[in-house]
PDB file of N, CA and C in Angstrom:
ATOM      1  N   UNK A   1      -4.700  15.857 -10.854  1.00  0.00           N
ATOM      2  CA  UNK A   1      -4.057  14.929 -11.819  1.00  0.00           C
ATOM      3  C   UNK A   1      -2.944  14.197 -11.017  1.00  0.00           C
ATOM      4  N   UNK A   2      -2.817  12.829 -11.127  1.00  0.00           N
ATOM      5  CA  UNK A   2      -1.842  12.037 -10.571  1.00  0.00           C
ATOM      6  C   UNK A   2      -1.042  11.458 -11.715  1.00  0.00           C
ATOM      7  N   UNK A   3       0.279  11.703 -11.719  1.00  0.00           N
ATOM      8  CA  UNK A   3       1.174  11.146 -12.720  1.00  0.00           C
ATOM      9  C   UNK A   3       1.722   9.783 -12.469  1.00  0.00           C
ATOM     10  N   UNK A   4       2.301   9.131 -13.421  1.00  0.00           N
ATOM     11  CA  UNK A   4       3.040   7.797 -13.291  1.00  0.00           C
ATOM     12  C   UNK A   4       4.303   8.077 -12.459  1.00  0.00           C
ATOM     13  N   UNK A   5       4.540   7.109 -11.640  1.00  0.00           N
ATOM     14  CA  UNK A   5       5.849   7.338 -10.912  1.00  0.00           C
ATOM     15  C   UNK A   5       6.970   7.248 -11.901  1.00  0.00           C
ATOM     16  N   UNK A   6       8.121   8.008 -11.568  1.00  0.00           N
ATOM     17  CA  UNK A   6       9.293   8.157 -12.432  1.00  0.00           C
ATOM     18  C   UNK A   6      10.489   7.671 -11.576  1.00  0.00           C
ATOM     19  N   UNK A   7      11.299   6.698 -12.076  1.00  0.00           N
ATOM     20  CA  UNK A   7      10.958   5.822 -13.176  1.00  0.00           C
ATOM     21  C   UNK A   7      10.046   4.752 -12.880  1.00  0.00           C
ATOM     22  N   UNK A   8       9.510   4.066 -13.828  1.00  0.00           N
ATOM     23  CA  UNK A   8       8.651   2.903 -13.640  1.00  0.00           C
ATOM     24  C   UNK A   8       8.941   1.917 -14.756  1.00  0.00           C
ATOM     25  N   UNK A   9       9.518   0.715 -14.498  1.00  0.00           N
ATOM     26  CA  UNK A   9       9.909   0.292 -13.106  1.00  0.00           C
ATOM     27  C   UNK A   9      11.026   1.040 -12.434  1.00  0.00           C
ATOM     28  N   UNK A  10      10.997   1.005 -11.193  1.00  0.00           N
ATOM     29  CA  UNK A  10      12.028   1.706 -10.450  1.00  0.00           C
ATOM     30  C   UNK A  10      12.856   0.642  -9.605  1.00  0.00           C
ATOM     31  N   UNK A  11      13.962   1.114  -9.171  1.00  0.00           N
ATOM     32  CA  UNK A  11      14.858   0.288  -8.201  1.00  0.00           C
ATOM     33  C   UNK A  11      14.484   0.575  -6.790  1.00  0.00           C
ATOM     34  N   UNK A  12      13.358   1.263  -6.549  1.00  0.00           N
ATOM     35  CA  UNK A  12      12.887   1.605  -5.278  1.00  0.00           C
ATOM     36  C   UNK A  12      12.936   3.145  -5.078  1.00  0.00           C
ATOM     37  N   UNK A  13      13.815   3.810  -5.714  1.00  0.00           N
ATOM     38  CA  UNK A  13      13.904   5.337  -5.679  1.00  0.00           C
ATOM     39  C   UNK A  13      12.971   5.811  -6.705  1.00  0.00           C
ATOM     40  N   UNK A  14      11.907   6.532  -6.323  1.00  0.00           N
ATOM     41  CA  UNK A  14      10.926   6.902  -7.244  1.00  0.00           C
ATOM     42  C   UNK A  14      10.303   8.214  -6.870  1.00  0.00           C
ATOM     43  N   UNK A  15       9.766   8.959  -7.848  1.00  0.00           N
ATOM     44  CA  UNK A  15       9.102  10.220  -7.637  1.00  0.00           C
ATOM     45  C   UNK A  15       7.647  10.080  -8.041  1.00  0.00           C
ATOM     46  N   UNK A  16       6.609  10.491  -7.319  1.00  0.00           N
ATOM     47  CA  UNK A  16       5.162  10.482  -7.795  1.00  0.00           C
ATOM     48  C   UNK A  16       4.745  11.842  -7.929  1.00  0.00           C
ATOM     49  N   UNK A  17       4.617  12.305  -9.210  1.00  0.00           N
ATOM     50  CA  UNK A  17       4.198  13.696  -9.410  1.00  0.00           C
ATOM     51  C   UNK A  17       2.628  13.816  -9.470  1.00  0.00           C
ATOM     52  N   UNK A  18       2.259  15.048  -9.068  1.00  0.00           N
ATOM     53  CA  UNK A  18       0.766  15.472  -9.191  1.00  0.00           C
ATOM     54  C   UNK A  18       0.562  16.846  -9.395  1.00  0.00           C
ATOM     55  N   UNK A  19      -0.609  17.187  -9.711  1.00  0.00           N
ATOM     56  CA  UNK A  19      -0.989  18.582  -9.969  1.00  0.00           C
ATOM     57  C   UNK A  19      -2.334  18.808  -9.259  1.00  0.00           C
ATOM     58  N   UNK A  20      -2.411  19.972  -8.593  1.00  0.00           N
ATOM     59  CA  UNK A  20      -3.634  20.394  -7.875  1.00  0.00           C
ATOM     60  C   UNK A  20      -4.211  21.695  -8.453  1.00  0.00           C
ATOM     61  N   UNK A  21      -5.426  21.749  -8.853  1.00  0.00           N
ATOM     62  CA  UNK A  21      -5.969  23.031  -9.367  1.00  0.00           C
ATOM     63  C   UNK A  21      -6.353  24.047  -8.298  1.00  0.00           C
ATOM     64  N   UNK A  22      -6.377  23.566  -7.068  1.00  0.00           N
ATOM     65  CA  UNK A  22      -6.729  24.443  -5.893  1.00  0.00           C
ATOM     66  C   UNK A  22      -6.099  23.824  -4.627  1.00  0.00           C
ATOM     67  N   UNK A  23      -6.101  24.600  -3.610  1.00  0.00           N
ATOM     68  CA  UNK A  23      -5.618  24.228  -2.234  1.00  0.00           C
ATOM     69  C   UNK A  23      -6.409  22.972  -1.833  1.00  0.00           C
ATOM     70  N   UNK A  24      -5.680  21.929  -1.448  1.00  0.00           N
ATOM     71  CA  UNK A  24      -6.221  20.680  -1.094  1.00  0.00           C
ATOM     72  C   UNK A  24      -5.524  19.946   0.116  1.00  0.00           C
ATOM     73  N   UNK A  25      -6.356  19.281   0.997  1.00  0.00           N
ATOM     74  CA  UNK A  25      -5.769  18.440   1.908  1.00  0.00           C
ATOM     75  C   UNK A  25      -5.454  17.119   1.192  1.00  0.00           C
ATOM     76  N   UNK A  26      -4.183  16.656   1.268  1.00  0.00           N
ATOM     77  CA  UNK A  26      -3.728  15.512   0.559  1.00  0.00           C
ATOM     78  C   UNK A  26      -3.343  14.328   1.441  1.00  0.00           C
ATOM     79  N   UNK A  27      -3.412  13.074   0.987  1.00  0.00           N
ATOM     80  CA  UNK A  27      -2.777  11.867   1.523  1.00  0.00           C
ATOM     81  C   UNK A  27      -2.496  11.020   0.503  1.00  0.00           C
ATOM     82  N   UNK A  28      -1.227  10.403   0.625  1.00  0.00           N
ATOM     83  CA  UNK A  28      -0.757   9.434  -0.318  1.00  0.00           C
ATOM     84  C   UNK A  28      -0.598   8.105   0.443  1.00  0.00           C
ATOM     85  N   UNK A  29      -1.256   7.051  -0.077  1.00  0.00           N
ATOM     86  CA  UNK A  29      -1.025   5.729   0.572  1.00  0.00           C
ATOM     87  C   UNK A  29      -0.468   4.738  -0.441  1.00  0.00           C
ATOM     88  N   UNK A  30       0.602   3.940  -0.142  1.00  0.00           N
ATOM     89  CA  UNK A  30       1.081   3.021  -1.117  1.00  0.00           C
ATOM     90  C   UNK A  30       0.736   1.648  -0.427  1.00  0.00           C
ATOM     91  N   UNK A  31       0.040   0.653  -1.159  1.00  0.00           N
ATOM     92  CA  UNK A  31      -0.275  -0.656  -0.805  1.00  0.00           C
ATOM     93  C   UNK A  31       0.312  -1.690  -1.660  1.00  0.00           C
ATOM     94  N   UNK A  32       0.479  -2.924  -1.093  1.00  0.00           N
ATOM     95  CA  UNK A  32       0.824  -3.999  -2.049  1.00  0.00           C
ATOM     96  C   UNK A  32      -0.413  -4.496  -2.721  1.00  0.00           C
ATOM     97  N   UNK A  33      -0.307  -5.474  -3.671  1.00  0.00           N
ATOM     98  CA  UNK A  33      -1.463  -5.889  -4.349  1.00  0.00           C
ATOM     99  C   UNK A  33      -2.596  -6.492  -3.498  1.00  0.00           C
ATOM    100  N   UNK A  34      -2.335  -7.240  -2.485  1.00  0.00           N
ATOM    101  CA  UNK A  34      -3.438  -7.699  -1.554  1.00  0.00           C
ATOM    102  C   UNK A  34      -4.082  -6.570  -0.759  1.00  0.00           C
ATOM    103  N   UNK A  35      -3.577  -5.339  -0.824  1.00  0.00           N
ATOM    104  CA  UNK A  35      -4.133  -4.185  -0.127  1.00  0.00           C
ATOM    105  C   UNK A  35      -3.507  -3.757   1.134  1.00  0.00           C
ATOM    106  N   UNK A  36      -2.395  -4.442   1.596  1.00  0.00           N
ATOM    107  CA  UNK A  36      -1.822  -4.136   2.878  1.00  0.00           C
ATOM    108  C   UNK A  36      -1.079  -2.840   2.709  1.00  0.00           C
ATOM    109  N   UNK A  37      -1.307  -1.902   3.683  1.00  0.00           N
ATOM    110  CA  UNK A  37      -0.709  -0.537   3.587  1.00  0.00           C
ATOM    111  C   UNK A  37       0.808  -0.707   3.913  1.00  0.00           C
ATOM    112  N   UNK A  38       1.586  -0.133   2.945  1.00  0.00           N
ATOM    113  CA  UNK A  38       3.004  -0.240   3.030  1.00  0.00           C
ATOM    114  C   UNK A  38       3.604   1.125   3.548  1.00  0.00           C
ATOM    115  N   UNK A  39       3.100   2.192   2.840  1.00  0.00           N
ATOM    116  CA  UNK A  39       3.612   3.514   3.258  1.00  0.00           C
ATOM    117  C   UNK A  39       2.437   4.551   3.271  1.00  0.00           C
ATOM    118  N   UNK A  40       2.476   5.510   4.120  1.00  0.00           N
ATOM    119  CA  UNK A  40       1.550   6.520   4.140  1.00  0.00           C
ATOM    120  C   UNK A  40       2.085   7.841   4.437  1.00  0.00           C
ATOM    121  N   UNK A  41       1.832   8.742   3.544  1.00  0.00           N
ATOM    122  CA  UNK A  41       2.366  10.214   3.703  1.00  0.00           C
ATOM    123  C   UNK A  41       1.130  10.902   4.272  1.00  0.00           C
ATOM    124  N   UNK A  42       1.309  11.413   5.552  1.00  0.00           N
ATOM    125  CA  UNK A  42       0.091  11.945   6.194  1.00  0.00           C
ATOM    126  C   UNK A  42      -0.441  13.164   5.499  1.00  0.00           C
ATOM    127  N   UNK A  43      -1.726  13.374   6.027  1.00  0.00           N
ATOM    128  CA  UNK A  43      -2.449  14.454   5.432  1.00  0.00           C
ATOM    129  C   UNK A  43      -1.718  15.811   5.587  1.00  0.00           C
ATOM    130  N   UNK A  44      -1.652  16.549   4.585  1.00  0.00           N
ATOM    131  CA  UNK A  44      -1.116  17.887   4.604  1.00  0.00           C
ATOM    132  C   UNK A  44      -1.738  18.787   3.624  1.00  0.00           C
ATOM    133  N   UNK A  45      -1.859  20.068   3.944  1.00  0.00           N
ATOM    134  CA  UNK A  45      -2.470  21.026   3.084  1.00  0.00           C
ATOM    135  C   UNK A  45      -1.481  21.470   2.039  1.00  0.00           C
ATOM    136  N   UNK A  46      -1.891  21.344   0.785  1.00  0.00           N
ATOM    137  CA  UNK A  46      -0.981  21.606  -0.393  1.00  0.00           C
ATOM    138  C   UNK A  46      -1.594  22.746  -1.177  1.00  0.00           C
ATOM    139  N   UNK A  47      -0.710  23.652  -1.558  1.00  0.00           N
ATOM    140  CA  UNK A  47      -1.128  24.816  -2.459  1.00  0.00           C
ATOM    141  C   UNK A  47      -1.402  24.341  -3.870  1.00  0.00           C
ATOM    142  N   UNK A  48      -2.131  25.087  -4.635  1.00  0.00           N
ATOM    143  CA  UNK A  48      -2.290  24.719  -6.143  1.00  0.00           C
ATOM    144  C   UNK A  48      -0.986  24.703  -6.798  1.00  0.00           C
ATOM    145  N   UNK A  49      -0.991  23.865  -7.886  1.00  0.00           N
ATOM    146  CA  UNK A  49       0.200  23.685  -8.740  1.00  0.00           C
ATOM    147  C   UNK A  49       0.759  22.315  -8.674  1.00  0.00           C
ATOM    148  N   UNK A  50       2.007  22.194  -9.228  1.00  0.00           N
ATOM    149  CA  UNK A  50       2.611  20.888  -9.326  1.00  0.00           C
ATOM    150  C   UNK A  50       3.400  20.533  -8.007  1.00  0.00           C
ATOM    151  N   UNK A  51       3.327  19.300  -7.620  1.00  0.00           N
ATOM    152  CA  UNK A  51       4.059  18.778  -6.469  1.00  0.00           C
ATOM    153  C   UNK A  51       4.496  17.271  -6.664  1.00  0.00           C
ATOM    154  N   UNK A  52       5.204  16.739  -5.631  1.00  0.00           N
ATOM    155  CA  UNK A  52       5.650  15.408  -5.854  1.00  0.00           C
ATOM    156  C   UNK A  52       5.875  14.770  -4.400  1.00  0.00           C
ATOM    157  N   UNK A  53       5.775  13.499  -4.415  1.00  0.00           N
ATOM    158  CA  UNK A  53       6.191  12.675  -3.244  1.00  0.00           C
ATOM    159  C   UNK A  53       7.541  11.937  -3.659  1.00  0.00           C
ATOM    160  N   UNK A  54       8.398  11.766  -2.804  1.00  0.00           N
ATOM    161  CA  UNK A  54       9.606  11.023  -3.115  1.00  0.00           C
ATOM    162  C   UNK A  54       9.663   9.766  -2.194  1.00  0.00           C
ATOM    163  N   UNK A  55       9.907   8.578  -2.742  1.00  0.00           N
ATOM    164  CA  UNK A  55      10.095   7.367  -2.055  1.00  0.00           C
ATOM    165  C   UNK A  55      11.478   6.849  -2.253  1.00  0.00           C
ATOM    166  N   UNK A  56      12.148   6.461  -1.222  1.00  0.00           N
ATOM    167  CA  UNK A  56      13.567   5.946  -1.314  1.00  0.00           C
ATOM    168  C   UNK A  56      13.517   4.466  -1.281  1.00  0.00           C
ATOM    169  N   UNK A  57      14.664   3.789  -1.817  1.00  0.00           N
ATOM    170  CA  UNK A  57      14.802   2.377  -2.012  1.00  0.00           C
ATOM    171  C   UNK A  57      14.639   1.657  -0.692  1.00  0.00           C
ATOM    172  N   UNK A  58      14.958   2.255   0.422  1.00  0.00           N
ATOM    173  CA  UNK A  58      14.860   1.485   1.661  1.00  0.00           C
ATOM    174  C   UNK A  58      13.391   1.263   2.164  1.00  0.00           C
ATOM    175  N   UNK A  59      12.459   1.887   1.462  1.00  0.00           N
ATOM    176  CA  UNK A  59      11.121   1.735   1.848  1.00  0.00           C
ATOM    177  C   UNK A  59      10.210   0.690   1.183  1.00  0.00           C
ATOM    178  N   UNK A  60      10.709   0.248  -0.099  1.00  0.00           N
ATOM    179  CA  UNK A  60       9.969  -0.739  -0.837  1.00  0.00           C
ATOM    180  C   UNK A  60      10.825  -1.935  -1.329  1.00  0.00           C
ATOM    181  N   UNK A  61      10.299  -3.048  -1.150  1.00  0.00           N
ATOM    182  CA  UNK A  61      10.989  -4.259  -1.636  1.00  0.00           C
ATOM    183  C   UNK A  61      10.511  -4.522  -3.147  1.00  0.00           C
ATOM    184  N   UNK A  62      11.209  -5.375  -3.862  1.00  0.00           N
ATOM    185  CA  UNK A  62      10.763  -5.639  -5.257  1.00  0.00           C
ATOM    186  C   UNK A  62       9.371  -6.208  -5.307  1.00  0.00           C
ATOM    187  N   UNK A  63       8.527  -5.712  -6.197  1.00  0.00           N
ATOM    188  CA  UNK A  63       7.063  -6.170  -6.365  1.00  0.00           C
ATOM    189  C   UNK A  63       6.297  -5.134  -7.072  1.00  0.00           C
ATOM    190  N   UNK A  64       4.929  -5.340  -7.044  1.00  0.00           N
ATOM    191  CA  UNK A  64       4.026  -4.516  -7.664  1.00  0.00           C
ATOM    192  C   UNK A  64       3.246  -3.760  -6.501  1.00  0.00           C
ATOM    193  N   UNK A  65       3.095  -2.567  -6.678  1.00  0.00           N
ATOM    194  CA  UNK A  65       2.438  -1.752  -5.608  1.00  0.00           C
ATOM    195  C   UNK A  65       1.318  -0.836  -6.285  1.00  0.00           C
ATOM    196  N   UNK A  66       0.381  -0.370  -5.537  1.00  0.00           N
ATOM    197  CA  UNK A  66      -0.648   0.613  -5.921  1.00  0.00           C
ATOM    198  C   UNK A  66      -0.462   1.768  -5.017  1.00  0.00           C
ATOM    199  N   UNK A  67      -0.539   2.966  -5.687  1.00  0.00           N
ATOM    200  CA  UNK A  67      -0.511   4.218  -4.896  1.00  0.00           C
ATOM    201  C   UNK A  67      -1.767   5.036  -5.175  1.00  0.00           C
ATOM    202  N   UNK A  68      -2.240   5.628  -4.039  1.00  0.00           N
ATOM    203  CA  UNK A  68      -3.521   6.223  -4.034  1.00  0.00           C
ATOM    204  C   UNK A  68      -3.361   7.622  -3.454  1.00  0.00           C
ATOM    205  N   UNK A  69      -3.723   8.577  -4.285  1.00  0.00           N
ATOM    206  CA  UNK A  69      -3.767  10.028  -3.804  1.00  0.00           C
ATOM    207  C   UNK A  69      -5.177  10.462  -3.533  1.00  0.00           C
ATOM    208  N   UNK A  70      -5.473  10.745  -2.207  1.00  0.00           N
ATOM    209  CA  UNK A  70      -6.704  11.240  -1.884  1.00  0.00           C
ATOM    210  C   UNK A  70      -6.703  12.664  -1.394  1.00  0.00           C
ATOM    211  N   UNK A  71      -7.748  13.445  -1.791  1.00  0.00           N
ATOM    212  CA  UNK A  71      -7.764  14.785  -1.435  1.00  0.00           C
ATOM    213  C   UNK A  71      -9.156  15.337  -1.188  1.00  0.00           C
ATOM    214  N   UNK A  72      -9.147  16.413  -0.334  1.00  0.00           N
ATOM    215  CA  UNK A  72     -10.392  17.112   0.000  1.00  0.00           C
ATOM    216  C   UNK A  72     -10.139  18.645  -0.213  1.00  0.00           C
ATOM    217  N   UNK A  73     -11.029  19.279  -0.838  1.00  0.00           N
ATOM    218  CA  UNK A  73     -10.895  20.713  -1.132  1.00  0.00           C
ATOM    219  C   UNK A  73     -12.366  21.332  -1.052  1.00  0.00           C
ATOM    220  N   UNK A  74     -12.394  22.573  -1.162  1.00  0.00           N
ATOM    221  CA  UNK A  74     -13.709  23.303  -1.065  1.00  0.00           C
ATOM    222  C   UNK A  74     -14.727  22.801  -2.176  1.00  0.00           C
ATOM    223  N   UNK A  75     -14.198  22.306  -3.225  1.00  0.00           N
ATOM    224  CA  UNK A  75     -15.101  21.831  -4.416  1.00  0.00           C
ATOM    225  C   UNK A  75     -15.392  20.305  -4.240  1.00  0.00           C
ATOM    226  N   UNK A  76     -14.951  19.639  -3.212  1.00  0.00           N
ATOM    227  CA  UNK A  76     -15.217  18.227  -3.123  1.00  0.00           C
ATOM    228  C   UNK A  76     -14.001  17.350  -2.810  1.00  0.00           C
ATOM    229  N   UNK A  77     -14.190  16.066  -2.907  1.00  0.00           N
ATOM    230  CA  UNK A  77     -13.077  15.068  -2.610  1.00  0.00           C
ATOM    231  C   UNK A  77     -12.754  14.290  -3.891  1.00  0.00           C
ATOM    232  N   UNK A  78     -11.635  13.658  -3.926  1.00  0.00           N
ATOM    233  CA  UNK A  78     -11.299  12.848  -5.022  1.00  0.00           C
ATOM    234  C   UNK A  78     -10.310  11.726  -4.575  1.00  0.00           C
ATOM    235  N   UNK A  79     -10.213  10.654  -5.370  1.00  0.00           N
ATOM    236  CA  UNK A  79      -9.194   9.617  -5.131  1.00  0.00           C
ATOM    237  C   UNK A  79      -8.673   9.196  -6.457  1.00  0.00           C
ATOM    238  N   UNK A  80      -7.368   9.205  -6.609  1.00  0.00           N
ATOM    239  CA  UNK A  80      -6.781   8.811  -7.890  1.00  0.00           C
ATOM    240  C   UNK A  80      -5.781   7.705  -7.644  1.00  0.00           C
ATOM    241  N   UNK A  81      -5.746   6.686  -8.574  1.00  0.00           N
ATOM    242  CA  UNK A  81      -4.958   5.478  -8.236  1.00  0.00           C
ATOM    243  C   UNK A  81      -4.051   5.113  -9.428  1.00  0.00           C
ATOM    244  N   UNK A  82      -2.911   4.772  -9.213  1.00  0.00           N
ATOM    245  CA  UNK A  82      -1.889   4.181 -10.236  1.00  0.00           C
ATOM    246  C   UNK A  82      -1.106   3.054  -9.690  1.00  0.00           C
ATOM    247  N   UNK A  83      -0.456   2.230 -10.618  1.00  0.00           N
ATOM    248  CA  UNK A  83       0.337   1.163 -10.218  1.00  0.00           C
ATOM    249  C   UNK A  83       1.720   1.387 -10.533  1.00  0.00           C
ATOM    250  N   UNK A  84       2.637   0.839  -9.625  1.00  0.00           N
ATOM    251  CA  UNK A  84       4.078   0.933  -9.940  1.00  0.00           C
ATOM    252  C   UNK A  84       4.760  -0.346  -9.686  1.00  0.00           C
ATOM    253  N   UNK A  85       5.924  -0.534 -10.354  1.00  0.00           N
ATOM    254  CA  UNK A  85       6.692  -1.782 -10.148  1.00  0.00           C
ATOM    255  C   UNK A  85       8.014  -1.436  -9.650  1.00  0.00           C
ATOM    256  N   UNK A  86       8.485  -2.166  -8.574  1.00  0.00           N
ATOM    257  CA  UNK A  86       9.819  -1.983  -8.032  1.00  0.00           C
ATOM    258  C   UNK A  86      10.603  -3.269  -8.368  1.00  0.00           C
ATOM    259  N   UNK A  87      11.830  -3.127  -8.956  1.00  0.00           N
ATOM    260  CA  UNK A  87      12.600  -4.224  -9.304  1.00  0.00           C
ATOM    261  C   UNK A  87      13.635  -4.527  -8.214  1.00  0.00           C
TER     262      UNK A  87
END
């Protein structure tokens, strides 16, 4: 599960929550609307349960962004996408 960033819209400081039912290799990528990669949190192995990524205001300018959480586990792979607004 990928949650909506908190707060949304944000001033650039935002938290992206997620939940994993099993151990998973994760990657979070933030792009602008045309698809240019703005931020990438590298692959890392995450334990089951709730987690979050934190983005600070120095990393995003005002605009609309898409964030994509991709994962691989023993049961397969997934990709979840949400949109966020930075004021």
